């Protein structure tokens, strides 16, 4: 069915073949600027946020656990988070939620 639709879009005699592919190119450009590029930008912001985490920062995990960073492991991918009552948890930096952590720090300031 799709192949038939594509074949029916063949250029008419005397028509420039580039004109027939212009809608497909425009769709790809729209997808890039409205879907792929914003996602790449958001991923870059999250990576920068996780690189800038330091001891004493208040964070929220993607599971909703609130705590404070007690230490960052040597390999820089794990951190120890201290929760209420002195309970300590080891978790990966990828488990830290950027949006919730930023919102938490705005509320407490």
PDB file of N, CA and C in Angstrom:
ATOM      1  N   UNK A   1       0.831  -1.192   0.000  1.00  0.00           N
ATOM      2  CA  UNK A   1       0.000   0.000   0.000  1.00  0.00           C
ATOM      3  C   UNK A   1       0.873   1.251   0.000  1.00  0.00           C
ATOM      4  N   UNK A   2       1.866   1.280   0.896  1.00  0.00           N
ATOM      5  CA  UNK A   2       2.757   2.434   0.969  1.00  0.00           C
ATOM      6  C   UNK A   2       3.580   2.553  -0.299  1.00  0.00           C
ATOM      7  N   UNK A   3       4.038   1.431  -0.811  1.00  0.00           N
ATOM      8  CA  UNK A   3       4.835   1.435  -2.044  1.00  0.00           C
ATOM      9  C   UNK A   3       4.013   1.981  -3.203  1.00  0.00           C
ATOM     10  N   UNK A   4       2.747   1.605  -3.263  1.00  0.00           N
ATOM     11  CA  UNK A   4       1.877   2.124  -4.327  1.00  0.00           C
ATOM     12  C   UNK A   4       1.729   3.629  -4.213  1.00  0.00           C
ATOM     13  N   UNK A   5       1.596   4.134  -2.996  1.00  0.00           N
ATOM     14  CA  UNK A   5       1.457   5.576  -2.794  1.00  0.00           C
ATOM     15  C   UNK A   5       2.711   6.308  -3.233  1.00  0.00           C
ATOM     16  N   UNK A   6       3.862   5.716  -2.928  1.00  0.00           N
ATOM     17  CA  UNK A   6       5.122   6.346  -3.312  1.00  0.00           C
ATOM     18  C   UNK A   6       5.284   6.333  -4.830  1.00  0.00           C
ATOM     19  N   UNK A   7       4.928   5.221  -5.435  1.00  0.00           N
ATOM     20  CA  UNK A   7       5.051   5.137  -6.889  1.00  0.00           C
ATOM     21  C   UNK A   7       4.079   6.073  -7.594  1.00  0.00           C
ATOM     22  N   UNK A   8       2.916   6.303  -7.000  1.00  0.00           N
ATOM     23  CA  UNK A   8       1.955   7.232  -7.599  1.00  0.00           C
ATOM     24  C   UNK A   8       2.429   8.672  -7.507  1.00  0.00           C
ATOM     25  N   UNK A   9       3.391   8.927  -6.614  1.00  0.00           N
ATOM     26  CA  UNK A   9       3.916  10.283  -6.473  1.00  0.00           C
ATOM     27  C   UNK A   9       5.003  10.571  -7.502  1.00  0.00           C
ATOM     28  N   UNK A  10       5.197   9.692  -8.448  1.00  0.00           N
ATOM     29  CA  UNK A  10       6.215   9.891  -9.477  1.00  0.00           C
ATOM     30  C   UNK A  10       5.951  11.215 -10.202  1.00  0.00           C
ATOM     31  N   UNK A  11       7.018  11.894 -10.572  1.00  0.00           N
ATOM     32  CA  UNK A  11       6.826  13.200 -11.208  1.00  0.00           C
ATOM     33  C   UNK A  11       6.124  13.078 -12.567  1.00  0.00           C
ATOM     34  N   UNK A  12       5.309  14.050 -12.840  1.00  0.00           N
ATOM     35  CA  UNK A  12       4.614  14.112 -14.122  1.00  0.00           C
ATOM     36  C   UNK A  12       5.626  14.483 -15.210  1.00  0.00           C
ATOM     37  N   UNK A  13       5.352  14.125 -16.436  1.00  0.00           N
ATOM     38  CA  UNK A  13       6.278  14.501 -17.512  1.00  0.00           C
ATOM     39  C   UNK A  13       6.450  16.018 -17.564  1.00  0.00           C
ATOM     40  N   UNK A  14       7.703  16.441 -17.593  1.00  0.00           N
ATOM     41  CA  UNK A  14       7.992  17.873 -17.651  1.00  0.00           C
ATOM     42  C   UNK A  14       8.116  18.511 -16.276  1.00  0.00           C
ATOM     43  N   UNK A  15       7.854  17.765 -15.199  1.00  0.00           N
ATOM     44  CA  UNK A  15       7.931  18.308 -13.840  1.00  0.00           C
ATOM     45  C   UNK A  15       9.294  17.947 -13.236  1.00  0.00           C
ATOM     46  N   UNK A  16       9.817  18.826 -12.439  1.00  0.00           N
ATOM     47  CA  UNK A  16      11.108  18.603 -11.787  1.00  0.00           C
ATOM     48  C   UNK A  16      10.950  17.500 -10.735  1.00  0.00           C
ATOM     49  N   UNK A  17      11.794  16.442 -10.752  1.00  0.00           N
ATOM     50  CA  UNK A  17      11.647  15.342  -9.788  1.00  0.00           C
ATOM     51  C   UNK A  17      11.928  15.767  -8.338  1.00  0.00           C
ATOM     52  N   UNK A  18      12.663  16.825  -8.149  1.00  0.00           N
ATOM     53  CA  UNK A  18      12.952  17.301  -6.791  1.00  0.00           C
ATOM     54  C   UNK A  18      11.675  17.794  -6.114  1.00  0.00           C
ATOM     55  N   UNK A  19      10.782  18.379  -6.874  1.00  0.00           N
ATOM     56  CA  UNK A  19       9.525  18.896  -6.324  1.00  0.00           C
ATOM     57  C   UNK A  19       8.696  17.774  -5.706  1.00  0.00           C
ATOM     58  N   UNK A  20       8.733  16.578  -6.284  1.00  0.00           N
ATOM     59  CA  UNK A  20       7.926  15.482  -5.754  1.00  0.00           C
ATOM     60  C   UNK A  20       8.474  14.964  -4.420  1.00  0.00           C
ATOM     61  N   UNK A  21       9.771  15.116  -4.176  1.00  0.00           N
ATOM     62  CA  UNK A  21      10.363  14.662  -2.915  1.00  0.00           C
ATOM     63  C   UNK A  21      10.423  15.764  -1.855  1.00  0.00           C
ATOM     64  N   UNK A  22      10.049  16.960  -2.207  1.00  0.00           N
ATOM     65  CA  UNK A  22      10.087  18.082  -1.270  1.00  0.00           C
ATOM     66  C   UNK A  22       9.232  17.854  -0.019  1.00  0.00           C
ATOM     67  N   UNK A  23       8.005  17.327  -0.110  1.00  0.00           N
ATOM     68  CA  UNK A  23       7.227  17.080   1.111  1.00  0.00           C
ATOM     69  C   UNK A  23       7.899  16.096   2.070  1.00  0.00           C
ATOM     70  N   UNK A  24       8.540  15.065   1.551  1.00  0.00           N
ATOM     71  CA  UNK A  24       9.224  14.095   2.409  1.00  0.00           C
ATOM     72  C   UNK A  24      10.399  14.761   3.123  1.00  0.00           C
ATOM     73  N   UNK A  25      11.144  15.576   2.391  1.00  0.00           N
ATOM     74  CA  UNK A  25      12.277  16.289   2.989  1.00  0.00           C
ATOM     75  C   UNK A  25      11.780  17.245   4.066  1.00  0.00           C
ATOM     76  N   UNK A  26      10.698  17.937   3.815  1.00  0.00           N
ATOM     77  CA  UNK A  26      10.140  18.869   4.808  1.00  0.00           C
ATOM     78  C   UNK A  26       9.686  18.134   6.070  1.00  0.00           C
ATOM     79  N   UNK A  27       9.106  16.961   5.919  1.00  0.00           N
ATOM     80  CA  UNK A  27       8.676  16.180   7.083  1.00  0.00           C
ATOM     81  C   UNK A  27       9.882  15.779   7.922  1.00  0.00           C
ATOM     82  N   UNK A  28      10.959  15.365   7.274  1.00  0.00           N
ATOM     83  CA  UNK A  28      12.170  14.985   8.004  1.00  0.00           C
ATOM     84  C   UNK A  28      12.747  16.189   8.748  1.00  0.00           C
ATOM     85  N   UNK A  29      12.770  17.343   8.113  1.00  0.00           N
ATOM     86  CA  UNK A  29      13.290  18.560   8.757  1.00  0.00           C
ATOM     87  C   UNK A  29      12.430  18.932   9.962  1.00  0.00           C
ATOM     88  N   UNK A  30      11.126  18.852   9.833  1.00  0.00           N
ATOM     89  CA  UNK A  30      10.224  19.173  10.945  1.00  0.00           C
ATOM     90  C   UNK A  30      10.447  18.208  12.104  1.00  0.00           C
ATOM     91  N   UNK A  31      10.572  16.918  11.837  1.00  0.00           N
ATOM     92  CA  UNK A  31      10.839  15.941  12.891  1.00  0.00           C
ATOM     93  C   UNK A  31      12.142  16.261  13.607  1.00  0.00           C
ATOM     94  N   UNK A  32      13.153  16.643  12.850  1.00  0.00           N
ATOM     95  CA  UNK A  32      14.440  16.942  13.466  1.00  0.00           C
ATOM     96  C   UNK A  32      14.320  18.125  14.422  1.00  0.00           C
ATOM     97  N   UNK A  33      13.725  19.230  13.961  1.00  0.00           N
ATOM     98  CA  UNK A  33      13.688  20.439  14.780  1.00  0.00           C
ATOM     99  C   UNK A  33      12.677  20.379  15.915  1.00  0.00           C
ATOM    100  N   UNK A  34      11.623  19.614  15.787  1.00  0.00           N
ATOM    101  CA  UNK A  34      10.606  19.577  16.841  1.00  0.00           C
ATOM    102  C   UNK A  34      10.692  18.357  17.751  1.00  0.00           C
ATOM    103  N   UNK A  35      11.443  17.321  17.370  1.00  0.00           N
ATOM    104  CA  UNK A  35      11.499  16.127  18.205  1.00  0.00           C
ATOM    105  C   UNK A  35      12.924  15.738  18.572  1.00  0.00           C
ATOM    106  N   UNK A  36      13.787  15.603  17.602  1.00  0.00           N
ATOM    107  CA  UNK A  36      15.130  15.077  17.869  1.00  0.00           C
ATOM    108  C   UNK A  36      16.015  16.117  18.539  1.00  0.00           C
ATOM    109  N   UNK A  37      16.062  17.321  18.026  1.00  0.00           N
ATOM    110  CA  UNK A  37      16.940  18.355  18.570  1.00  0.00           C
ATOM    111  C   UNK A  37      16.600  18.728  20.011  1.00  0.00           C
ATOM    112  N   UNK A  38      15.323  18.944  20.364  1.00  0.00           N
ATOM    113  CA  UNK A  38      15.023  19.251  21.773  1.00  0.00           C
ATOM    114  C   UNK A  38      15.389  18.109  22.720  1.00  0.00           C
ATOM    115  N   UNK A  39      15.227  16.869  22.267  1.00  0.00           N
ATOM    116  CA  UNK A  39      15.587  15.729  23.111  1.00  0.00           C
ATOM    117  C   UNK A  39      17.090  15.681  23.339  1.00  0.00           C
ATOM    118  N   UNK A  40      17.867  15.971  22.314  1.00  0.00           N
ATOM    119  CA  UNK A  40      19.324  15.996  22.461  1.00  0.00           C
ATOM    120  C   UNK A  40      19.752  17.114  23.412  1.00  0.00           C
ATOM    121  N   UNK A  41      19.086  18.255  23.325  1.00  0.00           N
ATOM    122  CA  UNK A  41      19.402  19.381  24.211  1.00  0.00           C
ATOM    123  C   UNK A  41      19.087  19.031  25.667  1.00  0.00           C
ATOM    124  N   UNK A  42      17.954  18.397  25.886  1.00  0.00           N
ATOM    125  CA  UNK A  42      17.571  17.999  27.239  1.00  0.00           C
ATOM    126  C   UNK A  42      18.545  16.969  27.811  1.00  0.00           C
ATOM    127  N   UNK A  43      18.973  16.016  26.993  1.00  0.00           N
ATOM    128  CA  UNK A  43      19.927  14.999  27.435  1.00  0.00           C
ATOM    129  C   UNK A  43      21.256  15.643  27.811  1.00  0.00           C
ATOM    130  N   UNK A  44      21.683  16.637  27.039  1.00  0.00           N
ATOM    131  CA  UNK A  44      22.930  17.339  27.332  1.00  0.00           C
ATOM    132  C   UNK A  44      22.827  18.097  28.658  1.00  0.00           C
ATOM    133  N   UNK A  45      21.691  18.743  28.914  1.00  0.00           N
ATOM    134  CA  UNK A  45      21.478  19.451  30.184  1.00  0.00           C
ATOM    135  C   UNK A  45      21.507  18.486  31.362  1.00  0.00           C
ATOM    136  N   UNK A  46      20.881  17.321  31.210  1.00  0.00           N
ATOM    137  CA  UNK A  46      20.884  16.330  32.287  1.00  0.00           C
ATOM    138  C   UNK A  46      22.289  15.824  32.573  1.00  0.00           C
ATOM    139  N   UNK A  47      23.068  15.576  31.528  1.00  0.00           N
ATOM    140  CA  UNK A  47      24.447  15.124  31.728  1.00  0.00           C
ATOM    141  C   UNK A  47      25.282  16.181  32.439  1.00  0.00           C
ATOM    142  N   UNK A  48      25.110  17.447  32.057  1.00  0.00           N
ATOM    143  CA  UNK A  48      25.840  18.526  32.732  1.00  0.00           C
ATOM    144  C   UNK A  48      25.418  18.640  34.189  1.00  0.00           C
ATOM    145  N   UNK A  49      24.119  18.496  34.467  1.00  0.00           N
ATOM    146  CA  UNK A  49      23.617  18.554  35.845  1.00  0.00           C
ATOM    147  C   UNK A  49      24.253  17.451  36.691  1.00  0.00           C
ATOM    148  N   UNK A  50      24.314  16.247  36.152  1.00  0.00           N
ATOM    149  CA  UNK A  50      24.868  15.113  36.903  1.00  0.00           C
ATOM    150  C   UNK A  50      26.372  15.253  37.105  1.00  0.00           C
ATOM    151  N   UNK A  51      27.081  15.859  36.153  1.00  0.00           N
ATOM    152  CA  UNK A  51      28.514  16.076  36.314  1.00  0.00           C
ATOM    153  C   UNK A  51      28.804  17.106  37.405  1.00  0.00           C
ATOM    154  N   UNK A  52      27.895  18.065  37.590  1.00  0.00           N
ATOM    155  CA  UNK A  52      28.108  19.151  38.538  1.00  0.00           C
ATOM    156  C   UNK A  52      27.637  18.823  39.950  1.00  0.00           C
ATOM    157  N   UNK A  53      27.100  17.626  40.187  1.00  0.00           N
ATOM    158  CA  UNK A  53      26.676  17.246  41.532  1.00  0.00           C
ATOM    159  C   UNK A  53      27.887  17.205  42.454  1.00  0.00           C
ATOM    160  N   UNK A  54      27.692  17.691  43.678  1.00  0.00           N
ATOM    161  CA  UNK A  54      28.795  17.686  44.643  1.00  0.00           C
ATOM    162  C   UNK A  54      28.262  17.344  46.029  1.00  0.00           C
ATOM    163  N   UNK A  55      29.171  17.084  46.926  1.00  0.00           N
ATOM    164  CA  UNK A  55      28.818  16.705  48.291  1.00  0.00           C
ATOM    165  C   UNK A  55      27.998  17.827  48.939  1.00  0.00           C
ATOM    166  N   UNK A  56      26.910  17.430  49.601  1.00  0.00           N
ATOM    167  CA  UNK A  56      26.056  18.390  50.290  1.00  0.00           C
ATOM    168  C   UNK A  56      24.843  18.849  49.493  1.00  0.00           C
ATOM    169  N   UNK A  57      24.790  18.549  48.197  1.00  0.00           N
ATOM    170  CA  UNK A  57      23.637  18.930  47.376  1.00  0.00           C
ATOM    171  C   UNK A  57      22.407  18.134  47.792  1.00  0.00           C
ATOM    172  N   UNK A  58      21.270  18.813  47.814  1.00  0.00           N
ATOM    173  CA  UNK A  58      19.996  18.143  48.085  1.00  0.00           C
ATOM    174  C   UNK A  58      19.455  17.647  46.753  1.00  0.00           C
ATOM    175  N   UNK A  59      19.073  16.366  46.727  1.00  0.00           N
ATOM    176  CA  UNK A  59      18.618  15.754  45.479  1.00  0.00           C
ATOM    177  C   UNK A  59      17.343  14.947  45.698  1.00  0.00           C
ATOM    178  N   UNK A  60      16.698  14.641  44.582  1.00  0.00           N
ATOM    179  CA  UNK A  60      15.530  13.750  44.562  1.00  0.00           C
ATOM    180  C   UNK A  60      15.807  12.709  43.491  1.00  0.00           C
ATOM    181  N   UNK A  61      15.598  11.441  43.819  1.00  0.00           N
ATOM    182  CA  UNK A  61      15.813  10.384  42.828  1.00  0.00           C
ATOM    183  C   UNK A  61      14.604  10.277  41.912  1.00  0.00           C
ATOM    184  N   UNK A  62      14.748   9.513  40.846  1.00  0.00           N
ATOM    185  CA  UNK A  62      13.621   9.321  39.929  1.00  0.00           C
ATOM    186  C   UNK A  62      12.516   8.503  40.589  1.00  0.00           C
ATOM    187  N   UNK A  63      12.835   7.840  41.707  1.00  0.00           N
ATOM    188  CA  UNK A  63      11.830   7.096  42.465  1.00  0.00           C
ATOM    189  C   UNK A  63      11.133   7.978  43.490  1.00  0.00           C
ATOM    190  N   UNK A  64      11.605   9.232  43.647  1.00  0.00           N
ATOM    191  CA  UNK A  64      10.964  10.165  44.560  1.00  0.00           C
ATOM    192  C   UNK A  64      11.570  10.207  45.948  1.00  0.00           C
ATOM    193  N   UNK A  65      12.748   9.641  46.146  1.00  0.00           N
ATOM    194  CA  UNK A  65      13.402   9.637  47.454  1.00  0.00           C
ATOM    195  C   UNK A  65      14.213  10.917  47.598  1.00  0.00           C
ATOM    196  N   UNK A  66      13.963  11.646  48.686  1.00  0.00           N
ATOM    197  CA  UNK A  66      14.657  12.907  48.951  1.00  0.00           C
ATOM    198  C   UNK A  66      15.861  12.636  49.844  1.00  0.00           C
ATOM    199  N   UNK A  67      16.951  13.333  49.590  1.00  0.00           N
ATOM    200  CA  UNK A  67      18.127  13.162  50.429  1.00  0.00           C
ATOM    201  C   UNK A  67      19.204  14.165  50.094  1.00  0.00           C
ATOM    202  N   UNK A  68      20.365  13.956  50.696  1.00  0.00           N
ATOM    203  CA  UNK A  68      21.507  14.840  50.522  1.00  0.00           C
ATOM    204  C   UNK A  68      22.706  13.978  50.154  1.00  0.00           C
ATOM    205  N   UNK A  69      23.557  14.469  49.260  1.00  0.00           N
ATOM    206  CA  UNK A  69      24.725  13.710  48.840  1.00  0.00           C
ATOM    207  C   UNK A  69      25.748  13.710  49.967  1.00  0.00           C
ATOM    208  N   UNK A  70      26.108  12.513  50.445  1.00  0.00           N
ATOM    209  CA  UNK A  70      27.100  12.371  51.503  1.00  0.00           C
ATOM    210  C   UNK A  70      28.500  12.259  50.916  1.00  0.00           C
ATOM    211  N   UNK A  71      28.631  11.544  49.803  1.00  0.00           N
ATOM    212  CA  UNK A  71      29.927  11.440  49.127  1.00  0.00           C
ATOM    213  C   UNK A  71      29.709  10.969  47.707  1.00  0.00           C
ATOM    214  N   UNK A  72      30.716  11.228  46.874  1.00  0.00           N
ATOM    215  CA  UNK A  72      30.696  10.771  45.493  1.00  0.00           C
ATOM    216  C   UNK A  72      31.835   9.781  45.335  1.00  0.00           C
ATOM    217  N   UNK A  73      31.527   8.604  44.793  1.00  0.00           N
ATOM    218  CA  UNK A  73      32.516   7.542  44.647  1.00  0.00           C
ATOM    219  C   UNK A  73      33.620   7.958  43.677  1.00  0.00           C
ATOM    220  N   UNK A  74      34.751   7.272  43.760  1.00  0.00           N
ATOM    221  CA  UNK A  74      35.920   7.604  42.949  1.00  0.00           C
ATOM    222  C   UNK A  74      35.668   7.487  41.452  1.00  0.00           C
ATOM    223  N   UNK A  75      34.856   6.507  41.047  1.00  0.00           N
ATOM    224  CA  UNK A  75      34.631   6.311  39.616  1.00  0.00           C
ATOM    225  C   UNK A  75      33.627   7.313  39.039  1.00  0.00           C
ATOM    226  N   UNK A  76      33.074   8.178  39.870  1.00  0.00           N
ATOM    227  CA  UNK A  76      32.190   9.277  39.463  1.00  0.00           C
ATOM    228  C   UNK A  76      30.845   8.846  38.895  1.00  0.00           C
ATOM    229  N   UNK A  77      30.527   7.557  38.925  1.00  0.00           N
ATOM    230  CA  UNK A  77      29.216   7.131  38.433  1.00  0.00           C
ATOM    231  C   UNK A  77      28.265   6.810  39.581  1.00  0.00           C
ATOM    232  N   UNK A  78      28.803   6.604  40.771  1.00  0.00           N
ATOM    233  CA  UNK A  78      27.986   6.299  41.936  1.00  0.00           C
ATOM    234  C   UNK A  78      28.106   7.412  42.959  1.00  0.00           C
ATOM    235  N   UNK A  79      27.093   7.534  43.782  1.00  0.00           N
ATOM    236  CA  UNK A  79      27.145   8.462  44.898  1.00  0.00           C
ATOM    237  C   UNK A  79      26.446   7.839  46.097  1.00  0.00           C
ATOM    238  N   UNK A  80      26.784   8.335  47.267  1.00  0.00           N
ATOM    239  CA  UNK A  80      26.141   7.890  48.505  1.00  0.00           C
ATOM    240  C   UNK A  80      25.208   9.014  48.932  1.00  0.00           C
ATOM    241  N   UNK A  81      23.931   8.667  49.077  1.00  0.00           N
ATOM    242  CA  UNK A  81      22.924   9.641  49.468  1.00  0.00           C
ATOM    243  C   UNK A  81      22.494   9.352  50.893  1.00  0.00           C
ATOM    244  N   UNK A  82      22.435  10.405  51.683  1.00  0.00           N
ATOM    245  CA  UNK A  82      21.999  10.263  53.067  1.00  0.00           C
ATOM    246  C   UNK A  82      20.551  10.717  53.163  1.00  0.00           C
ATOM    247  N   UNK A  83      19.747   9.827  53.768  1.00  0.00           N
ATOM    248  CA  UNK A  83      18.323  10.094  53.922  1.00  0.00           C
ATOM    249  C   UNK A  83      18.067  10.420  55.399  1.00  0.00           C
ATOM    250  N   UNK A  84      16.868  10.776  55.725  1.00  0.00           N
ATOM    251  CA  UNK A  84      16.467  11.088  57.103  1.00  0.00           C
ATOM    252  C   UNK A  84      16.867   9.963  58.046  1.00  0.00           C
ATOM    253  N   UNK A  85      17.399  10.311  59.182  1.00  0.00           N
ATOM    254  CA  UNK A  85      17.758   9.322  60.197  1.00  0.00           C
ATOM    255  C   UNK A  85      19.139   8.715  59.977  1.00  0.00           C
ATOM    256  N   UNK A  86      19.938   9.297  59.127  1.00  0.00           N
ATOM    257  CA  UNK A  86      21.289   8.802  58.906  1.00  0.00           C
ATOM    258  C   UNK A  86      21.386   7.589  58.011  1.00  0.00           C
ATOM    259  N   UNK A  87      20.313   7.195  57.374  1.00  0.00           N
ATOM    260  CA  UNK A  87      20.333   6.058  56.459  1.00  0.00           C
ATOM    261  C   UNK A  87      21.064   6.487  55.188  1.00  0.00           C
ATOM    262  N   UNK A  88      21.986   5.637  54.735  1.00  0.00           N
ATOM    263  CA  UNK A  88      22.772   5.954  53.546  1.00  0.00           C
ATOM    264  C   UNK A  88      22.465   4.943  52.448  1.00  0.00           C
ATOM    265  N   UNK A  89      22.337   5.454  51.221  1.00  0.00           N
ATOM    266  CA  UNK A  89      22.052   4.615  50.057  1.00  0.00           C
ATOM    267  C   UNK A  89      23.093   4.879  48.986  1.00  0.00           C
ATOM    268  N   UNK A  90      23.538   3.808  48.328  1.00  0.00           N
ATOM    269  CA  UNK A  90      24.435   3.953  47.185  1.00  0.00           C
ATOM    270  C   UNK A  90      23.587   3.881  45.926  1.00  0.00           C
ATOM    271  N   UNK A  91      23.720   4.886  45.052  1.00  0.00           N
ATOM    272  CA  UNK A  91      22.966   4.872  43.808  1.00  0.00           C
ATOM    273  C   UNK A  91      23.772   5.484  42.676  1.00  0.00           C
ATOM    274  N   UNK A  92      23.337   5.190  41.489  1.00  0.00           N
ATOM    275  CA  UNK A  92      23.993   5.739  40.312  1.00  0.00           C
ATOM    276  C   UNK A  92      23.534   7.170  40.086  1.00  0.00           C
ATOM    277  N   UNK A  93      24.411   7.955  39.475  1.00  0.00           N
ATOM    278  CA  UNK A  93      24.051   9.348  39.191  1.00  0.00           C
ATOM    279  C   UNK A  93      22.869   9.425  38.223  1.00  0.00           C
ATOM    280  N   UNK A  94      22.712   8.423  37.389  1.00  0.00           N
ATOM    281  CA  UNK A  94      21.607   8.445  36.429  1.00  0.00           C
ATOM    282  C   UNK A  94      20.247   8.313  37.115  1.00  0.00           C
ATOM    283  N   UNK A  95      20.235   7.945  38.406  1.00  0.00           N
ATOM    284  CA  UNK A  95      18.980   7.825  39.145  1.00  0.00           C
ATOM    285  C   UNK A  95      18.538   9.141  39.766  1.00  0.00           C
ATOM    286  N   UNK A  96      19.331  10.198  39.586  1.00  0.00           N
ATOM    287  CA  UNK A  96      18.990  11.502  40.143  1.00  0.00           C
ATOM    288  C   UNK A  96      18.136  12.258  39.137  1.00  0.00           C
ATOM    289  N   UNK A  97      16.996  12.764  39.595  1.00  0.00           N
ATOM    290  CA  UNK A  97      16.077  13.497  38.738  1.00  0.00           C
ATOM    291  C   UNK A  97      16.463  14.975  38.723  1.00  0.00           C
ATOM    292  N   UNK A  98      16.793  15.479  37.531  1.00  0.00           N
ATOM    293  CA  UNK A  98      17.200  16.873  37.409  1.00  0.00           C
ATOM    294  C   UNK A  98      16.042  17.823  37.733  1.00  0.00           C
ATOM    295  N   UNK A  99      14.874  17.572  37.150  1.00  0.00           N
ATOM    296  CA  UNK A  99      13.747  18.480  37.331  1.00  0.00           C
ATOM    297  C   UNK A  99      13.319  18.569  38.798  1.00  0.00           C
ATOM    298  N   UNK A 100      13.187  17.421  39.457  1.00  0.00           N
ATOM    299  CA  UNK A 100      12.741  17.414  40.849  1.00  0.00           C
ATOM    300  C   UNK A 100      13.798  17.974  41.790  1.00  0.00           C
ATOM    301  N   UNK A 101      15.071  17.726  41.511  1.00  0.00           N
ATOM    302  CA  UNK A 101      16.131  18.238  42.359  1.00  0.00           C
ATOM    303  C   UNK A 101      16.230  19.752  42.261  1.00  0.00           C
ATOM    304  N   UNK A 102      16.120  20.282  41.048  1.00  0.00           N
ATOM    305  CA  UNK A 102      16.155  21.735  40.859  1.00  0.00           C
ATOM    306  C   UNK A 102      14.954  22.376  41.551  1.00  0.00           C
ATOM    307  N   UNK A 103      13.781  21.776  41.415  1.00  0.00           N
ATOM    308  CA  UNK A 103      12.590  22.312  42.073  1.00  0.00           C
ATOM    309  C   UNK A 103      12.729  22.269  43.587  1.00  0.00           C
ATOM    310  N   UNK A 104      13.298  21.198  44.136  1.00  0.00           N
ATOM    311  CA  UNK A 104      13.499  21.086  45.578  1.00  0.00           C
ATOM    312  C   UNK A 104      14.440  22.171  46.083  1.00  0.00           C
ATOM    313  N   UNK A 105      15.513  22.430  45.362  1.00  0.00           N
ATOM    314  CA  UNK A 105      16.471  23.440  45.793  1.00  0.00           C
ATOM    315  C   UNK A 105      15.896  24.846  45.668  1.00  0.00           C
ATOM    316  N   UNK A 106      14.987  25.101  44.731  1.00  0.00           N
ATOM    317  CA  UNK A 106      14.346  26.408  44.630  1.00  0.00           C
ATOM    318  C   UNK A 106      13.413  26.644  45.821  1.00  0.00           C
ATOM    319  N   UNK A 107      12.723  25.586  46.253  1.00  0.00           N
ATOM    320  CA  UNK A 107      11.785  25.704  47.372  1.00  0.00           C
ATOM    321  C   UNK A 107      12.534  25.986  48.667  1.00  0.00           C
ATOM    322  N   UNK A 108      13.655  25.336  48.881  1.00  0.00           N
ATOM    323  CA  UNK A 108      14.375  25.472  50.149  1.00  0.00           C
ATOM    324  C   UNK A 108      15.221  26.738  50.223  1.00  0.00           C
ATOM    325  N   UNK A 109      15.437  27.431  49.112  1.00  0.00           N
ATOM    326  CA  UNK A 109      16.246  28.658  49.150  1.00  0.00           C
ATOM    327  C   UNK A 109      15.487  29.820  49.718  1.00  0.00           C
TER     328      UNK A 109
END
